Amino acid sequence: MRADARRNYERLLKEADVAFRERGTDASLEDIARSAGVGIGTLYRHFPTRDALLEALLHDRFVALGDLSTKLLESSEPRAALTTWLSEFARSSNRYEGLPASVVATLNNEKSQLYASCHAMSDAGARLLAKAQEAGEVRADLKAGELLLLVASLSWANEHSPDSIDRFLTLLVEGIKA
């Protein structure tokens, strides 16, 4: 990539991060381009879709979740390992307002640039869930997709009740029965 194109790419990522944090994942791409000092065509050359832009912003987080999963698979406490990973997944999903819905929608859209990353992240969580189930620490009938939907729902709820994600995860993992 030429130096000027690389600068544009980096400015677009920086401005997209700011816009998505302030206004959610539905923030105007035209406003992002304008804030970065480029035209909308430049944004689309680098990021043909909103999902492509989100993929660039979230890629490192998804890789980190996969790496964390691999590390946690060696834990002698599978339920605690799963809970730790779910907490990180929830925090990553909560980075931008609207992101939980985008991630869930992407899991069913093979054409999305986020599809592969979201499925790799989903597979990472599924491995931890399977280990906890094999240890008898998590109910056997829980499917990985169901668990990720529940955690995505918690991330969405946290958008409306900030700083509650740990409480929500505790309720999810421990249940709500007395």
Protein backbone atom coordinates (compact mmCIF):
# COMPACT_ATOMS: atom_id res chain seq x y z
CA MET A 1 0.00 0.00 0.00
CA ARG A 2 1.32 3.46 -0.90
CA ALA A 3 2.14 5.74 2.02
CA ASP A 4 -0.79 8.11 1.36
CA ALA A 5 -3.21 5.19 1.00
CA ARG A 6 -1.90 3.72 4.26
CA ARG A 7 -2.41 7.07 6.03
CA ASN A 8 -5.97 7.25 4.69
CA TYR A 9 -6.62 3.69 5.83
CA GLU A 10 -5.35 4.42 9.35
CA ARG A 11 -7.31 7.70 9.59
CA LEU A 12 -10.47 5.94 8.46
CA LEU A 13 -10.03 3.26 11.12
CA LYS A 14 -9.39 5.87 13.80
CA GLU A 15 -12.42 7.95 12.82
CA ALA A 16 -14.63 4.88 12.47
CA ASP A 17 -13.66 3.77 15.97
CA VAL A 18 -14.57 7.20 17.35
CA ALA A 19 -17.85 7.35 15.41
CA PHE A 20 -18.92 3.82 16.34
CA ARG A 21 -18.12 4.47 20.01
CA GLU A 22 -20.10 7.71 20.01
CA ARG A 23 -22.99 6.80 17.70
CA GLY A 24 -22.98 3.01 17.40
CA THR A 25 -22.39 0.75 14.43
CA ASP A 26 -25.00 2.59 12.38
CA ALA A 27 -22.90 5.78 12.36
CA SER A 28 -22.79 7.51 8.99
CA LEU A 29 -19.98 6.26 6.77
CA GLU A 30 -20.02 9.62 5.00
CA ASP A 31 -19.39 11.37 8.32
CA ILE A 32 -16.53 8.96 9.02
CA ALA A 33 -14.95 9.72 5.64
CA ARG A 34 -15.39 13.46 6.16
CA SER A 35 -13.83 13.28 9.65
CA ALA A 36 -10.89 11.36 8.18
CA GLY A 37 -10.44 14.07 5.55
CA VAL A 38 -11.20 11.79 2.60
CA GLY A 39 -14.07 11.26 0.21
CA ILE A 40 -16.62 8.48 0.56
CA GLY A 41 -15.07 6.76 -2.48
CA THR A 42 -11.78 6.43 -0.60
CA LEU A 43 -13.61 4.85 2.33
CA TYR A 44 -15.32 2.36 0.01
CA ARG A 45 -12.06 1.52 -1.77
CA HIS A 46 -10.60 0.46 1.56
CA PHE A 47 -13.82 -0.92 3.08
CA PRO A 48 -16.43 -1.92 0.49
CA THR A 49 -19.07 -2.51 3.20
CA ARG A 50 -19.79 -1.53 6.78
CA ASP A 51 -18.98 -5.12 7.77
CA ALA A 52 -15.56 -4.82 6.12
CA LEU A 53 -14.88 -1.75 8.23
CA LEU A 54 -16.07 -3.53 11.38
CA GLU A 55 -13.90 -6.54 10.48
CA ALA A 56 -10.83 -4.31 10.27
CA LEU A 57 -11.66 -2.71 13.61
CA LEU A 58 -12.47 -5.97 15.40
CA HIS A 59 -10.05 -8.43 13.81
CA ASP A 60 -7.43 -8.18 16.56
CA ARG A 61 -10.08 -8.62 19.25
CA PHE A 62 -11.40 -11.75 17.57
CA VAL A 63 -7.89 -13.17 17.27
CA ALA A 64 -7.32 -12.41 20.95
CA LEU A 65 -10.53 -14.25 21.86
CA GLY A 66 -9.32 -17.27 19.90
CA ASP A 67 -5.93 -17.15 21.61
CA LEU A 68 -7.58 -16.82 25.03
CA SER A 69 -9.77 -19.84 24.27
CA THR A 70 -6.72 -21.93 23.39
CA LYS A 71 -5.03 -20.92 26.63
CA LEU A 72 -8.16 -21.53 28.73
CA LEU A 73 -8.67 -25.01 27.27
CA GLU A 74 -5.75 -26.10 29.43
CA SER A 75 -7.51 -24.98 32.63
CA SER A 76 -8.38 -27.59 35.24
CA GLU A 77 -11.59 -25.64 35.93
CA PRO A 78 -13.58 -25.79 32.68
CA ARG A 79 -16.62 -23.85 33.93
CA ALA A 80 -14.43 -21.01 35.25
CA ALA A 81 -12.50 -21.02 31.97
CA LEU A 82 -15.74 -20.80 29.99
CA THR A 83 -16.99 -17.96 32.20
CA THR A 84 -13.72 -16.05 31.76
CA TRP A 85 -13.96 -16.40 27.98
CA LEU A 86 -17.64 -15.42 27.96
CA SER A 87 -16.79 -12.30 29.94
CA GLU A 88 -14.18 -11.29 27.36
CA PHE A 89 -16.56 -12.10 24.52
CA ALA A 90 -19.26 -9.94 26.12
CA ARG A 91 -16.86 -7.04 26.61
CA SER A 92 -15.70 -7.31 22.98
CA SER A 93 -19.30 -7.44 21.79
CA ASN A 94 -20.06 -4.38 23.86
CA ARG A 95 -17.38 -2.18 22.29
CA TYR A 96 -19.89 -0.34 20.08
CA GLU A 97 -23.61 0.14 20.48
CA GLY A 98 -25.33 -2.15 18.00
CA LEU A 99 -22.38 -4.53 17.72
CA PRO A 100 -24.09 -7.50 19.41
CA ALA A 101 -26.84 -7.39 16.76
CA SER A 102 -24.24 -7.07 13.99
CA VAL A 103 -22.30 -10.09 15.24
CA VAL A 104 -25.45 -12.23 15.56
CA ALA A 105 -26.64 -11.22 12.08
CA THR A 106 -23.20 -11.95 10.64
CA LEU A 107 -23.20 -15.52 11.95
CA ASN A 108 -25.94 -16.26 9.40
CA ASN A 109 -24.56 -14.25 6.48
CA GLU A 110 -21.77 -16.04 4.63
CA LYS A 111 -21.32 -13.01 2.34
CA SER A 112 -20.35 -10.72 5.23
CA GLN A 113 -16.70 -9.82 5.66
CA LEU A 114 -17.22 -10.50 9.39
CA TYR A 115 -18.48 -14.04 8.82
CA ALA A 116 -15.17 -15.91 9.08
CA SER A 117 -13.99 -13.98 12.13
CA CYS A 118 -17.30 -14.40 13.91
CA HIS A 119 -17.33 -18.13 13.21
CA ALA A 120 -13.75 -18.54 14.39
CA MET A 121 -14.72 -16.77 17.61
CA SER A 122 -17.85 -18.90 17.90
CA ASP A 123 -15.79 -22.07 17.43
CA ALA A 124 -13.42 -20.93 20.17
CA GLY A 125 -16.32 -20.59 22.61
CA ALA A 126 -17.78 -23.91 21.49
CA ARG A 127 -14.56 -25.74 22.39
CA LEU A 128 -14.67 -24.30 25.91
CA LEU A 129 -18.35 -25.15 26.26
CA ALA A 130 -17.71 -28.75 25.15
CA LYS A 131 -14.94 -29.16 27.73
CA ALA A 132 -17.18 -27.80 30.51
CA GLN A 133 -19.98 -30.12 29.39
CA GLU A 134 -17.65 -33.14 29.32
CA ALA A 135 -16.66 -32.30 32.90
CA GLY A 136 -20.34 -32.21 33.88
CA GLU A 137 -20.07 -28.57 34.91
CA VAL A 138 -22.48 -27.18 32.32
CA ARG A 139 -25.77 -28.69 31.19
CA ALA A 140 -25.30 -31.08 28.32
CA ASP A 141 -28.21 -29.81 26.22
CA LEU A 142 -26.81 -26.26 25.87
CA LYS A 143 -25.67 -25.54 22.33
CA ALA A 144 -22.80 -23.15 21.59
CA GLY A 145 -25.00 -20.98 19.37
CA GLU A 146 -27.55 -20.63 22.15
CA LEU A 147 -24.87 -19.62 24.64
CA LEU A 148 -23.41 -17.01 22.30
CA LEU A 149 -26.88 -15.59 21.64
CA LEU A 150 -27.45 -15.34 25.38
CA VAL A 151 -24.15 -13.55 25.90
CA ALA A 152 -24.83 -11.26 22.93
CA SER A 153 -28.16 -10.47 24.59
CA LEU A 154 -26.32 -9.63 27.79
CA SER A 155 -24.03 -7.32 25.83
CA TRP A 156 -27.09 -5.63 24.34
CA ALA A 157 -28.63 -5.30 27.82
CA ASN A 158 -25.38 -3.78 29.07
CA GLU A 159 -25.78 -1.02 26.47
CA HIS A 160 -28.86 0.01 28.45
CA SER A 161 -27.48 -0.70 31.91
CA PRO A 162 -23.77 0.17 31.68
CA ASP A 163 -21.24 -1.69 33.78
CA SER A 164 -23.66 -4.53 34.50
CA ILE A 165 -22.03 -7.19 32.35
CA ASP A 166 -20.37 -9.02 35.26
CA ARG A 167 -23.68 -9.17 37.14
CA PHE A 168 -25.50 -10.36 34.03
CA LEU A 169 -22.90 -13.07 33.39
CA THR A 170 -23.11 -14.26 36.99
CA LEU A 171 -26.88 -14.56 36.66
CA LEU A 172 -26.49 -16.44 33.37
CA VAL A 173 -23.88 -18.88 34.64
CA GLU A 174 -25.29 -19.45 38.11
CA GLY A 175 -28.94 -19.20 37.16
CA ILE A 176 -31.61 -17.18 38.88
CA LYS A 177 -33.10 -19.81 41.15
CA ALA A 178 -32.85 -19.22 44.89
